[in-house]
Amino acid sequence: FSISRDVTKNSTYLLMNNLRPDDSAIYYCK
């Protein structure tokens, strides 16, 4: 996984690569 910010858009992204079944969940941003 890789987390990054885009200040111009005031957004934060979580790039999730090579996902596997144990990654299944509800993901929350805080």
PDB file of all heavy atoms in Angstrom:
ATOM      1  N   PHE A   1       0.836  -1.192   0.000  1.00  0.00           N
ATOM      2  CA  PHE A   1       0.000   0.000   0.000  1.00  0.00           C
ATOM      3  C   PHE A   1       0.870   1.240   0.000  1.00  0.00           C
ATOM      4  O   PHE A   1       1.994   1.236   0.528  1.00  0.00           O
ATOM      5  CB  PHE A   1      -0.911   0.034   1.227  1.00  0.00           C
ATOM      6  CG  PHE A   1      -2.006  -0.993   1.242  1.00  0.00           C
ATOM      7  CD1 PHE A   1      -2.038  -2.036   0.329  1.00  0.00           C
ATOM      8  CD2 PHE A   1      -3.014  -0.912   2.194  1.00  0.00           C
ATOM      9  CE1 PHE A   1      -3.043  -2.980   0.352  1.00  0.00           C
ATOM     10  CE2 PHE A   1      -4.025  -1.852   2.235  1.00  0.00           C
ATOM     11  CZ  PHE A   1      -4.043  -2.888   1.309  1.00  0.00           C
ATOM     12  N   SER A   2       0.337   2.303  -0.548  1.00  0.00           N
ATOM     13  CA  SER A   2       1.029   3.578  -0.574  1.00  0.00           C
ATOM     14  C   SER A   2       0.038   4.699  -0.315  1.00  0.00           C
ATOM     15  O   SER A   2      -1.000   4.779  -0.978  1.00  0.00           O
ATOM     16  CB  SER A   2       1.730   3.785  -1.922  1.00  0.00           C
ATOM     17  OG  SER A   2       2.385   5.039  -1.967  1.00  0.00           O
ATOM     18  N   ILE A   3       0.352   5.538   0.649  1.00  0.00           N
ATOM     19  CA  ILE A   3      -0.504   6.662   0.976  1.00  0.00           C
ATOM     20  C   ILE A   3       0.147   7.938   0.468  1.00  0.00           C
ATOM     21  O   ILE A   3       1.370   8.103   0.550  1.00  0.00           O
ATOM     22  CB  ILE A   3      -0.770   6.737   2.493  1.00  0.00           C
ATOM     23  CG1 ILE A   3      -1.831   7.797   2.818  1.00  0.00           C
ATOM     24  CG2 ILE A   3       0.511   6.980   3.277  1.00  0.00           C
ATOM     25  CD1 ILE A   3      -2.315   7.739   4.264  1.00  0.00           C
ATOM     26  N   SER A   4      -0.653   8.831  -0.070  1.00  0.00           N
ATOM     27  CA  SER A   4      -0.131  10.059  -0.624  1.00  0.00           C
ATOM     28  C   SER A   4      -1.161  11.172  -0.474  1.00  0.00           C
ATOM     29  O   SER A   4      -2.346  10.920  -0.249  1.00  0.00           O
ATOM     30  CB  SER A   4       0.250   9.888  -2.100  1.00  0.00           C
ATOM     31  OG  SER A   4      -0.881   9.553  -2.878  1.00  0.00           O
ATOM     32  N   ARG A   5      -0.697  12.388  -0.614  1.00  0.00           N
ATOM     33  CA  ARG A   5      -1.558  13.551  -0.523  1.00  0.00           C
ATOM     34  C   ARG A   5      -1.480  14.371  -1.793  1.00  0.00           C
ATOM     35  O   ARG A   5      -0.436  14.438  -2.446  1.00  0.00           O
ATOM     36  CB  ARG A   5      -1.169  14.443   0.663  1.00  0.00           C
ATOM     37  CG  ARG A   5      -1.275  13.805   2.012  1.00  0.00           C
ATOM     38  CD  ARG A   5      -1.065  14.842   3.112  1.00  0.00           C
ATOM     39  NE  ARG A   5       0.198  15.554   2.945  1.00  0.00           N
ATOM     40  CZ  ARG A   5       0.311  16.873   2.867  1.00  0.00           C
ATOM     41  NH1 ARG A   5      -0.773  17.641   2.948  1.00  0.00           N
ATOM     42  NH2 ARG A   5       1.501  17.433   2.729  1.00  0.00           N
ATOM     43  N   ASP A   6      -2.594  14.985  -2.136  1.00  0.00           N
ATOM     44  CA  ASP A   6      -2.655  15.961  -3.203  1.00  0.00           C
ATOM     45  C   ASP A   6      -3.156  17.246  -2.570  1.00  0.00           C
ATOM     46  O   ASP A   6      -4.358  17.408  -2.349  1.00  0.00           O
ATOM     47  CB  ASP A   6      -3.568  15.509  -4.333  1.00  0.00           C
ATOM     48  CG  ASP A   6      -3.510  16.428  -5.541  1.00  0.00           C
ATOM     49  OD1 ASP A   6      -3.157  17.612  -5.383  1.00  0.00           O
ATOM     50  OD2 ASP A   6      -3.814  15.961  -6.652  1.00  0.00           O
ATOM     51  N   VAL A   7      -2.237  18.130  -2.269  1.00  0.00           N
ATOM     52  CA  VAL A   7      -2.587  19.346  -1.557  1.00  0.00           C
ATOM     53  C   VAL A   7      -3.533  20.215  -2.381  1.00  0.00           C
ATOM     54  O   VAL A   7      -4.443  20.854  -1.833  1.00  0.00           O
ATOM     55  CB  VAL A   7      -1.319  20.130  -1.176  1.00  0.00           C
ATOM     56  CG1 VAL A   7      -1.683  21.421  -0.459  1.00  0.00           C
ATOM     57  CG2 VAL A   7      -0.421  19.280  -0.291  1.00  0.00           C
ATOM     58  N   THR A   8      -3.337  20.242  -3.689  1.00  0.00           N
ATOM     59  CA  THR A   8      -4.185  21.075  -4.538  1.00  0.00           C
ATOM     60  C   THR A   8      -5.636  20.642  -4.501  1.00  0.00           C
ATOM     61  O   THR A   8      -6.541  21.464  -4.665  1.00  0.00           O
ATOM     62  CB  THR A   8      -3.675  21.074  -5.979  1.00  0.00           C
ATOM     63  OG1 THR A   8      -3.744  19.751  -6.519  1.00  0.00           O
ATOM     64  CG2 THR A   8      -2.236  21.551  -6.038  1.00  0.00           C
ATOM     65  N   LYS A   9      -5.871  19.360  -4.301  1.00  0.00           N
ATOM     66  CA  LYS A   9      -7.233  18.837  -4.233  1.00  0.00           C
ATOM     67  C   LYS A   9      -7.693  18.592  -2.803  1.00  0.00           C
ATOM     68  O   LYS A   9      -8.828  18.161  -2.590  1.00  0.00           O
ATOM     69  CB  LYS A   9      -7.343  17.542  -5.032  1.00  0.00           C
ATOM     70  CG  LYS A   9      -7.041  17.701  -6.513  1.00  0.00           C
ATOM     71  CD  LYS A   9      -7.160  16.371  -7.234  1.00  0.00           C
ATOM     72  CE  LYS A   9      -6.862  16.526  -8.715  1.00  0.00           C
ATOM     73  NZ  LYS A   9      -6.952  15.225  -9.430  1.00  0.00           N
ATOM     74  N   ASN A  10      -6.811  18.835  -1.855  1.00  0.00           N
ATOM     75  CA  ASN A  10      -7.112  18.607  -0.445  1.00  0.00           C
ATOM     76  C   ASN A  10      -7.588  17.179  -0.216  1.00  0.00           C
ATOM     77  O   ASN A  10      -8.511  16.929   0.562  1.00  0.00           O
ATOM     78  CB  ASN A  10      -8.153  19.606   0.060  1.00  0.00           C
ATOM     79  CG  ASN A  10      -8.208  19.675   1.570  1.00  0.00           C
ATOM     80  OD1 ASN A  10      -7.207  19.462   2.255  1.00  0.00           O
ATOM     81  ND2 ASN A  10      -9.387  19.964   2.110  1.00  0.00           N
ATOM     82  N   SER A  11      -6.945  16.254  -0.894  1.00  0.00           N
ATOM     83  CA  SER A  11      -7.347  14.859  -0.814  1.00  0.00           C
ATOM     84  C   SER A  11      -6.159  13.979  -0.465  1.00  0.00           C
ATOM     85  O   SER A  11      -5.010  14.331  -0.725  1.00  0.00           O
ATOM     86  CB  SER A  11      -7.958  14.387  -2.137  1.00  0.00           C
ATOM     87  OG  SER A  11      -9.124  15.116  -2.454  1.00  0.00           O
ATOM     88  N   THR A  12      -6.464  12.848   0.106  1.00  0.00           N
ATOM     89  CA  THR A  12      -5.466  11.850   0.446  1.00  0.00           C
ATOM     90  C   THR A  12      -5.876  10.526  -0.178  1.00  0.00           C
ATOM     91  O   THR A  12      -7.050  10.158  -0.169  1.00  0.00           O
ATOM     92  CB  THR A  12      -5.319  11.690   1.965  1.00  0.00           C
ATOM     93  OG1 THR A  12      -4.964  12.949   2.547  1.00  0.00           O
ATOM     94  CG2 THR A  12      -4.228  10.683   2.297  1.00  0.00           C
ATOM     95  N   TYR A  13      -4.901   9.807  -0.712  1.00  0.00           N
ATOM     96  CA  TYR A  13      -5.178   8.585  -1.447  1.00  0.00           C
ATOM     97  C   TYR A  13      -4.447   7.411  -0.816  1.00  0.00           C
ATOM     98  O   TYR A  13      -3.348   7.550  -0.280  1.00  0.00           O
ATOM     99  CB  TYR A  13      -4.760   8.728  -2.907  1.00  0.00           C
ATOM    100  CG  TYR A  13      -5.359   9.936  -3.575  1.00  0.00           C
ATOM    101  CD1 TYR A  13      -4.653  11.122  -3.669  1.00  0.00           C
ATOM    102  CD2 TYR A  13      -6.651   9.891  -4.099  1.00  0.00           C
ATOM    103  CE1 TYR A  13      -5.203  12.238  -4.271  1.00  0.00           C
ATOM    104  CE2 TYR A  13      -7.211  10.997  -4.697  1.00  0.00           C
ATOM    105  CZ  TYR A  13      -6.487  12.170  -4.782  1.00  0.00           C
ATOM    106  OH  TYR A  13      -7.051  13.267  -5.379  1.00  0.00           O
ATOM    107  N   LEU A  14      -5.067   6.279  -0.901  1.00  0.00           N
ATOM    108  CA  LEU A  14      -4.453   5.035  -0.474  1.00  0.00           C
ATOM    109  C   LEU A  14      -4.437   4.099  -1.665  1.00  0.00           C
ATOM    110  O   LEU A  14      -5.475   3.554  -2.052  1.00  0.00           O
ATOM    111  CB  LEU A  14      -5.203   4.403   0.700  1.00  0.00           C
ATOM    112  CG  LEU A  14      -4.578   3.136   1.272  1.00  0.00           C
ATOM    113  CD1 LEU A  14      -3.243   3.455   1.935  1.00  0.00           C
ATOM    114  CD2 LEU A  14      -5.522   2.464   2.269  1.00  0.00           C
ATOM    115  N   LEU A  15      -3.264   3.940  -2.254  1.00  0.00           N
ATOM    116  CA  LEU A  15      -3.095   3.013  -3.359  1.00  0.00           C
ATOM    117  C   LEU A  15      -2.817   1.637  -2.786  1.00  0.00           C
ATOM    118  O   LEU A  15      -1.826   1.444  -2.086  1.00  0.00           O
ATOM    119  CB  LEU A  15      -1.956   3.467  -4.267  1.00  0.00           C
ATOM    120  CG  LEU A  15      -1.526   2.496  -5.377  1.00  0.00           C
ATOM    121  CD1 LEU A  15      -2.678   2.198  -6.317  1.00  0.00           C
ATOM    122  CD2 LEU A  15      -0.336   3.055  -6.133  1.00  0.00           C
ATOM    123  N   MET A  16      -3.685   0.706  -3.091  1.00  0.00           N
ATOM    124  CA  MET A  16      -3.586  -0.642  -2.556  1.00  0.00           C
ATOM    125  C   MET A  16      -3.259  -1.590  -3.693  1.00  0.00           C
ATOM    126  O   MET A  16      -4.095  -1.839  -4.566  1.00  0.00           O
ATOM    127  CB  MET A  16      -4.890  -1.046  -1.865  1.00  0.00           C
ATOM    128  CG  MET A  16      -5.338  -0.083  -0.774  1.00  0.00           C
ATOM    129  SD  MET A  16      -6.832  -0.634   0.088  1.00  0.00           S
ATOM    130  CE  MET A  16      -8.018  -0.558  -1.254  1.00  0.00           C
ATOM    131  N   ASN A  17      -2.051  -2.093  -3.683  1.00  0.00           N
ATOM    132  CA  ASN A  17      -1.593  -3.023  -4.701  1.00  0.00           C
ATOM    133  C   ASN A  17      -1.560  -4.445  -4.158  1.00  0.00           C
ATOM    134  O   ASN A  17      -1.473  -4.665  -2.949  1.00  0.00           O
ATOM    135  CB  ASN A  17      -0.200  -2.635  -5.192  1.00  0.00           C
ATOM    136  CG  ASN A  17      -0.174  -1.339  -5.945  1.00  0.00           C
ATOM    137  OD1 ASN A  17      -1.031  -1.084  -6.798  1.00  0.00           O
ATOM    138  ND2 ASN A  17       0.828  -0.509  -5.658  1.00  0.00           N
ATOM    139  N   ASN A  18      -1.606  -5.379  -5.078  1.00  0.00           N
ATOM    140  CA  ASN A  18      -1.496  -6.793  -4.727  1.00  0.00           C
ATOM    141  C   ASN A  18      -2.441  -7.165  -3.594  1.00  0.00           C
ATOM    142  O   ASN A  18      -2.040  -7.762  -2.592  1.00  0.00           O
ATOM    143  CB  ASN A  18      -0.048  -7.126  -4.353  1.00  0.00           C
ATOM    144  CG  ASN A  18       0.225  -8.613  -4.310  1.00  0.00           C
ATOM    145  OD1 ASN A  18      -0.475  -9.400  -4.949  1.00  0.00           O
ATOM    146  ND2 ASN A  18       1.234  -9.004  -3.540  1.00  0.00           N
ATOM    147  N   LEU A  19      -3.686  -6.821  -3.772  1.00  0.00           N
ATOM    148  CA  LEU A  19      -4.673  -7.079  -2.734  1.00  0.00           C
ATOM    149  C   LEU A  19      -4.882  -8.564  -2.514  1.00  0.00           C
ATOM    150  O   LEU A  19      -4.760  -9.373  -3.439  1.00  0.00           O
ATOM    151  CB  LEU A  19      -5.996  -6.408  -3.093  1.00  0.00           C
ATOM    152  CG  LEU A  19      -6.011  -4.891  -2.929  1.00  0.00           C
ATOM    153  CD1 LEU A  19      -7.183  -4.286  -3.688  1.00  0.00           C
ATOM    154  CD2 LEU A  19      -6.071  -4.513  -1.454  1.00  0.00           C
ATOM    155  N   ARG A  20      -5.206  -8.910  -1.298  1.00  0.00           N
ATOM    156  CA  ARG A  20      -5.466 -10.284  -0.933  1.00  0.00           C
ATOM    157  C   ARG A  20      -6.716 -10.336  -0.069  1.00  0.00           C
ATOM    158  O   ARG A  20      -7.152  -9.317   0.469  1.00  0.00           O
ATOM    159  CB  ARG A  20      -4.262 -10.885  -0.203  1.00  0.00           C
ATOM    160  CG  ARG A  20      -3.812 -10.107   1.015  1.00  0.00           C
ATOM    161  CD  ARG A  20      -2.386 -10.468   1.386  1.00  0.00           C
ATOM    162  NE  ARG A  20      -2.016  -9.943   2.689  1.00  0.00           N
ATOM    163  CZ  ARG A  20      -0.783  -9.862   3.134  1.00  0.00           C
ATOM    164  NH1 ARG A  20       0.235 -10.280   2.379  1.00  0.00           N
ATOM    165  NH2 ARG A  20      -0.543  -9.376   4.345  1.00  0.00           N
ATOM    166  N   PRO A  21      -7.301 -11.510   0.102  1.00  0.00           N
ATOM    167  CA  PRO A  21      -8.593 -11.588   0.798  1.00  0.00           C
ATOM    168  C   PRO A  21      -8.590 -11.005   2.203  1.00  0.00           C
ATOM    169  O   PRO A  21      -9.610 -10.446   2.630  1.00  0.00           O
ATOM    170  CB  PRO A  21      -8.874 -13.100   0.822  1.00  0.00           C
ATOM    171  CG  PRO A  21      -8.222 -13.598  -0.419  1.00  0.00           C
ATOM    172  CD  PRO A  21      -6.956 -12.789  -0.541  1.00  0.00           C
ATOM    173  N   ASP A  22      -7.499 -11.107   2.924  1.00  0.00           N
ATOM    174  CA  ASP A  22      -7.483 -10.565   4.277  1.00  0.00           C
ATOM    175  C   ASP A  22      -7.429  -9.040   4.301  1.00  0.00           C
ATOM    176  O   ASP A  22      -7.470  -8.445   5.380  1.00  0.00           O
ATOM    177  CB  ASP A  22      -6.348 -11.162   5.109  1.00  0.00           C
ATOM    178  CG  ASP A  22      -4.973 -10.871   4.541  1.00  0.00           C
ATOM    179  OD1 ASP A  22      -4.826 -10.860   3.309  1.00  0.00           O
ATOM    180  OD2 ASP A  22      -4.040 -10.666   5.340  1.00  0.00           O
ATOM    181  N   ASP A  23      -7.340  -8.406   3.149  1.00  0.00           N
ATOM    182  CA  ASP A  23      -7.475  -6.960   3.068  1.00  0.00           C
ATOM    183  C   ASP A  23      -8.935  -6.527   3.034  1.00  0.00           C
ATOM    184  O   ASP A  23      -9.219  -5.328   3.145  1.00  0.00           O
ATOM    185  CB  ASP A  23      -6.776  -6.410   1.825  1.00  0.00           C
ATOM    186  CG  ASP A  23      -5.271  -6.569   1.880  1.00  0.00           C
ATOM    187  OD1 ASP A  23      -4.682  -6.355   2.963  1.00  0.00           O
ATOM    188  OD2 ASP A  23      -4.684  -6.905   0.833  1.00  0.00           O
ATOM    189  N   SER A  24      -9.843  -7.456   2.861  1.00  0.00           N
ATOM    190  CA  SER A  24     -11.261  -7.120   2.800  1.00  0.00           C
ATOM    191  C   SER A  24     -11.715  -6.494   4.113  1.00  0.00           C
ATOM    192  O   SER A  24     -11.496  -7.053   5.184  1.00  0.00           O
ATOM    193  CB  SER A  24     -12.090  -8.367   2.504  1.00  0.00           C
ATOM    194  OG  SER A  24     -11.759  -8.923   1.251  1.00  0.00           O
ATOM    195  N   ALA A  25     -12.328  -5.339   4.013  1.00  0.00           N
ATOM    196  CA  ALA A  25     -12.767  -4.614   5.196  1.00  0.00           C
ATOM    197  C   ALA A  25     -13.492  -3.348   4.756  1.00  0.00           C
ATOM    198  O   ALA A  25     -13.520  -3.005   3.573  1.00  0.00           O
ATOM    199  CB  ALA A  25     -11.583  -4.249   6.089  1.00  0.00           C
ATOM    200  N   ILE A  26     -14.071  -2.680   5.710  1.00  0.00           N
ATOM    201  CA  ILE A  26     -14.523  -1.321   5.496  1.00  0.00           C
ATOM    202  C   ILE A  26     -13.376  -0.400   5.878  1.00  0.00           C
ATOM    203  O   ILE A  26     -12.856  -0.487   6.989  1.00  0.00           O
ATOM    204  CB  ILE A  26     -15.783  -0.992   6.311  1.00  0.00           C
ATOM    205  CG1 ILE A  26     -16.938  -1.903   5.896  1.00  0.00           C
ATOM    206  CG2 ILE A  26     -16.180   0.464   6.127  1.00  0.00           C
ATOM    207  CD1 ILE A  26     -18.194  -1.706   6.701  1.00  0.00           C
ATOM    208  N   TYR A  27     -13.005   0.446   4.966  1.00  0.00           N
ATOM    209  CA  TYR A  27     -11.883   1.344   5.175  1.00  0.00           C
ATOM    210  C   TYR A  27     -12.399   2.726   5.532  1.00  0.00           C
ATOM    211  O   TYR A  27     -13.268   3.279   4.854  1.00  0.00           O
ATOM    212  CB  TYR A  27     -11.003   1.406   3.926  1.00  0.00           C
ATOM    213  CG  TYR A  27     -10.137   0.186   3.740  1.00  0.00           C
ATOM    214  CD1 TYR A  27     -10.687  -1.022   3.340  1.00  0.00           C
ATOM    215  CD2 TYR A  27      -8.769   0.245   3.986  1.00  0.00           C
ATOM    216  CE1 TYR A  27      -9.899  -2.146   3.190  1.00  0.00           C
ATOM    217  CE2 TYR A  27      -7.968  -0.872   3.834  1.00  0.00           C
ATOM    218  CZ  TYR A  27      -8.539  -2.066   3.438  1.00  0.00           C
ATOM    219  OH  TYR A  27      -7.755  -3.179   3.284  1.00  0.00           O
ATOM    220  N   TYR A  28     -11.840   3.273   6.586  1.00  0.00           N
ATOM    221  CA  TYR A  28     -12.251   4.570   7.094  1.00  0.00           C
ATOM    222  C   TYR A  28     -11.087   5.542   7.032  1.00  0.00           C
ATOM    223  O   TYR A  28      -9.950   5.195   7.353  1.00  0.00           O
ATOM    224  CB  TYR A  28     -12.730   4.471   8.544  1.00  0.00           C
ATOM    225  CG  TYR A  28     -13.931   3.582   8.751  1.00  0.00           C
ATOM    226  CD1 TYR A  28     -13.774   2.231   9.027  1.00  0.00           C
ATOM    227  CD2 TYR A  28     -15.221   4.099   8.684  1.00  0.00           C
ATOM    228  CE1 TYR A  28     -14.871   1.413   9.225  1.00  0.00           C
ATOM    229  CE2 TYR A  28     -16.317   3.290   8.882  1.00  0.00           C
ATOM    230  CZ  TYR A  28     -16.137   1.946   9.152  1.00  0.00           C
ATOM    231  OH  TYR A  28     -17.231   1.141   9.353  1.00  0.00           O
ATOM    232  N   CYS A  29     -11.403   6.743   6.660  1.00  0.00           N
ATOM    233  CA  CYS A  29     -10.427   7.816   6.671  1.00  0.00           C
ATOM    234  C   CYS A  29     -10.644   8.676   7.906  1.00  0.00           C
ATOM    235  O   CYS A  29     -11.788   9.032   8.229  1.00  0.00           O
ATOM    236  CB  CYS A  29     -10.552   8.664   5.405  1.00  0.00           C
ATOM    237  SG  CYS A  29      -9.388  10.047   5.323  1.00  0.00           S
ATOM    238  N   LYS A  30      -9.586   8.967   8.582  1.00  0.00           N
ATOM    239  CA  LYS A  30      -9.640   9.866   9.728  1.00  0.00           C
ATOM    240  C   LYS A  30      -8.623  10.977   9.533  1.00  0.00           C
ATOM    241  O   LYS A  30      -7.450  10.715   9.278  1.00  0.00           O
ATOM    242  CB  LYS A  30      -9.348   9.127  11.038  1.00  0.00           C
ATOM    243  CG  LYS A  30      -9.521  10.020  12.268  1.00  0.00           C
ATOM    244  CD  LYS A  30      -9.081   9.340  13.544  1.00  0.00           C
ATOM    245  CE  LYS A  30      -7.583   9.370  13.684  1.00  0.00           C
ATOM    246  NZ  LYS A  30      -7.151   8.852  15.029  1.00  0.00           N
TER     247      LYS A  30
END
